[in-house]
Amino acid sequence: MASSLASCAEILSRGRVRHHVDVDEDVIRVVFVTRHYRNLRGEKLAIAQIAMPDDGRRCRVTLERAFPPGSDPAATCLALCRAAAATPLVGVEFDSDFENVRMFVEAVIEADGVLTRLQLLSMLHGLIDAAEVWQVAVERVEDSRKSREKGPGNAA
């Protein structure tokens, strides 16, 4: 008995979590107001997407375009990989074709099981909590780059 987007939507509705089911893209979107995390527009908002790939045998929660790759995408990705190593269950991916730095959490759902309310909400909140903390790592990469560009003889 695999889980489905409909079952995820039902869990969110019962928990009074506002969400939008995008039937065309086969995802659910949930918007969070954040304290530190800023999206690419500079807003303190995170939009999590819930998908159920593999016929509902996995639940994947992502923040697409979570951070700008910056002028040094390799340094940004390295900083985020280090942050991911210190953050249980949350990972990072970089899609160079779209310059998309994506955060994600995945859970496998056994063939005879279902995704539980606690699992789904833990995945969502864990991802958003990580985004709040990882924001600092991304800012440090950009600050470090700016200091290198200034150099000791170029201080303003």
Protein backbone atom coordinates (compact mmCIF):
# COMPACT_ATOMS: atom_id res chain seq x y z
CA MET A 1 0.00 0.00 0.00
CA ALA A 2 2.06 2.92 -1.27
CA SER A 3 1.44 6.47 -0.11
CA SER A 4 0.22 9.19 -2.46
CA LEU A 5 0.04 12.94 -2.77
CA ALA A 6 -3.61 12.67 -1.76
CA SER A 7 -2.62 11.01 1.52
CA CYS A 8 0.00 13.74 2.10
CA ALA A 9 -2.60 16.44 1.41
CA GLU A 10 -4.94 14.76 3.88
CA ILE A 11 -2.21 14.72 6.55
CA LEU A 12 -1.53 18.41 5.97
CA SER A 13 -5.23 19.28 6.04
CA ARG A 14 -5.79 17.41 9.30
CA GLY A 15 -2.81 19.26 10.76
CA ARG A 16 -4.25 22.55 9.51
CA VAL A 17 -1.18 23.19 7.38
CA ARG A 18 -2.04 25.39 4.40
CA HIS A 19 -0.81 23.87 1.18
CA HIS A 20 -1.43 23.77 -2.55
CA VAL A 21 -1.68 20.58 -4.59
CA ASP A 22 -0.27 21.19 -8.06
CA VAL A 23 -1.82 18.40 -10.09
CA ASP A 24 0.03 19.35 -13.29
CA GLU A 25 3.47 19.11 -11.66
CA ASP A 26 2.47 16.29 -9.28
CA VAL A 27 3.69 18.11 -6.15
CA ILE A 28 2.33 19.76 -3.04
CA ARG A 29 3.72 23.16 -2.09
CA VAL A 30 3.89 24.49 1.45
CA VAL A 31 5.08 28.04 2.21
CA PHE A 32 6.95 28.83 5.42
CA VAL A 33 7.81 32.25 6.83
CA THR A 34 11.43 32.08 7.99
CA ARG A 35 13.57 33.95 10.52
CA HIS A 36 16.98 33.89 8.79
CA TYR A 37 16.61 32.02 5.52
CA ARG A 38 16.11 34.20 2.44
CA ASN A 39 14.97 32.86 -0.90
CA LEU A 40 16.48 34.04 -4.19
CA ARG A 41 14.18 37.07 -4.18
CA GLY A 42 15.51 38.10 -0.75
CA GLU A 43 12.20 37.26 0.96
CA LYS A 44 12.07 35.47 4.28
CA LEU A 45 9.99 32.68 2.73
CA ALA A 46 10.72 29.05 1.94
CA ILE A 47 8.55 27.05 -0.45
CA ALA A 48 8.82 23.33 0.21
CA GLN A 49 7.68 20.84 -2.43
CA ILE A 50 6.44 17.37 -1.55
CA ALA A 51 6.61 14.67 -4.21
CA MET A 52 5.95 10.93 -4.11
CA PRO A 53 8.27 9.37 -6.72
CA ASP A 54 8.53 5.66 -7.52
CA ASP A 55 4.77 5.12 -7.37
CA GLY A 56 4.59 6.39 -3.80
CA ARG A 57 7.46 4.27 -2.48
CA ARG A 58 9.45 7.38 -1.59
CA CYS A 59 8.53 10.74 -0.16
CA ARG A 60 10.81 13.58 -1.26
CA VAL A 61 10.59 17.07 0.22
CA THR A 62 12.68 19.74 -1.51
CA LEU A 63 13.52 23.40 -1.51
CA GLU A 64 14.17 24.12 -5.17
CA ARG A 65 16.61 26.94 -5.92
CA ALA A 66 17.27 27.09 -2.18
CA PHE A 67 20.39 29.25 -2.48
CA PRO A 68 22.11 31.21 -5.21
CA PRO A 69 25.18 29.35 -6.49
CA GLY A 70 27.08 32.63 -6.23
CA SER A 71 30.07 33.62 -8.27
CA ASP A 72 31.91 30.48 -7.10
CA PRO A 73 29.39 27.59 -7.30
CA ALA A 74 32.04 25.06 -6.25
CA ALA A 75 32.70 26.94 -2.99
CA THR A 76 28.98 27.29 -2.34
CA CYS A 77 28.39 23.59 -2.95
CA LEU A 78 31.34 22.63 -0.74
CA ALA A 79 30.03 24.79 2.12
CA LEU A 80 26.58 23.27 1.76
CA CYS A 81 27.96 19.71 1.58
CA ARG A 82 29.78 20.40 4.85
CA ALA A 83 26.56 21.71 6.36
CA ALA A 84 24.70 18.64 5.07
CA ALA A 85 27.29 16.35 6.66
CA ALA A 86 26.45 17.95 10.01
CA THR A 87 22.69 17.85 9.45
CA PRO A 88 21.09 14.41 9.74
CA LEU A 89 18.78 13.41 6.88
CA VAL A 90 19.06 16.68 4.92
CA GLY A 91 21.05 16.71 1.70
CA VAL A 92 22.04 19.12 -1.03
CA GLU A 93 22.17 18.73 -4.81
CA PHE A 94 23.47 21.04 -7.51
CA ASP A 95 21.98 20.97 -10.99
CA SER A 96 24.44 22.93 -13.12
CA ASP A 97 22.12 23.01 -16.13
CA PHE A 98 19.65 25.16 -14.21
CA GLU A 99 22.03 26.61 -11.58
CA ASN A 100 19.74 25.02 -9.01
CA VAL A 101 21.08 24.45 -5.51
CA ARG A 102 18.42 22.15 -4.08
CA MET A 103 17.97 20.99 -0.49
CA PHE A 104 16.12 17.73 0.09
CA VAL A 105 14.93 15.13 2.57
CA GLU A 106 13.81 11.68 1.45
CA ALA A 107 12.12 8.77 3.15
CA VAL A 108 11.57 5.29 1.82
CA ILE A 109 8.08 3.91 2.35
CA GLU A 110 7.88 0.16 2.67
CA ALA A 111 5.58 -1.65 0.25
CA ASP A 112 3.27 -2.63 3.11
CA GLY A 113 3.49 0.74 4.91
CA VAL A 114 2.27 4.30 4.65
CA LEU A 115 3.84 7.67 5.29
CA THR A 116 2.84 8.84 8.76
CA ARG A 117 1.87 12.31 9.90
CA LEU A 118 4.93 12.48 12.13
CA GLN A 119 7.27 11.47 9.28
CA LEU A 120 5.89 14.04 6.86
CA LEU A 121 5.86 16.91 9.33
CA SER A 122 9.35 16.00 10.60
CA MET A 123 10.65 16.04 7.02
CA LEU A 124 9.12 19.45 6.34
CA HIS A 125 10.27 21.05 9.57
CA GLY A 126 13.73 19.46 9.40
CA LEU A 127 14.24 20.88 5.92
CA ILE A 128 13.16 24.38 6.92
CA ASP A 129 15.25 24.29 10.10
CA ALA A 130 18.28 23.29 8.02
CA ALA A 131 17.64 26.14 5.55
CA GLU A 132 17.66 28.59 8.46
CA VAL A 133 21.06 27.32 9.63
CA TRP A 134 22.57 26.84 6.17
CA GLN A 135 21.82 30.46 5.27
CA VAL A 136 24.80 31.42 7.44
CA ALA A 137 27.11 29.04 5.53
CA VAL A 138 26.11 30.59 2.20
CA GLU A 139 26.61 34.12 3.51
CA ARG A 140 30.09 33.21 4.78
CA VAL A 141 31.11 31.92 1.33
CA GLU A 142 30.08 35.20 -0.29
CA ASP A 143 31.73 37.28 2.47
CA SER A 144 34.95 35.29 2.07
CA ARG A 145 34.90 35.81 -1.69
CA LYS A 146 34.40 39.56 -1.26
CA SER A 147 37.32 39.79 1.17
CA ARG A 148 39.61 37.91 -1.23
CA GLU A 149 38.61 40.28 -4.04
CA LYS A 150 39.41 43.30 -1.92
CA GLY A 151 42.76 41.87 -0.92
CA PRO A 152 45.02 43.48 1.70
CA GLY A 153 46.01 46.37 -0.58
CA ASN A 154 42.49 47.03 -1.84
CA ALA A 155 40.74 47.73 1.46
CA ALA A 156 38.19 50.50 1.18
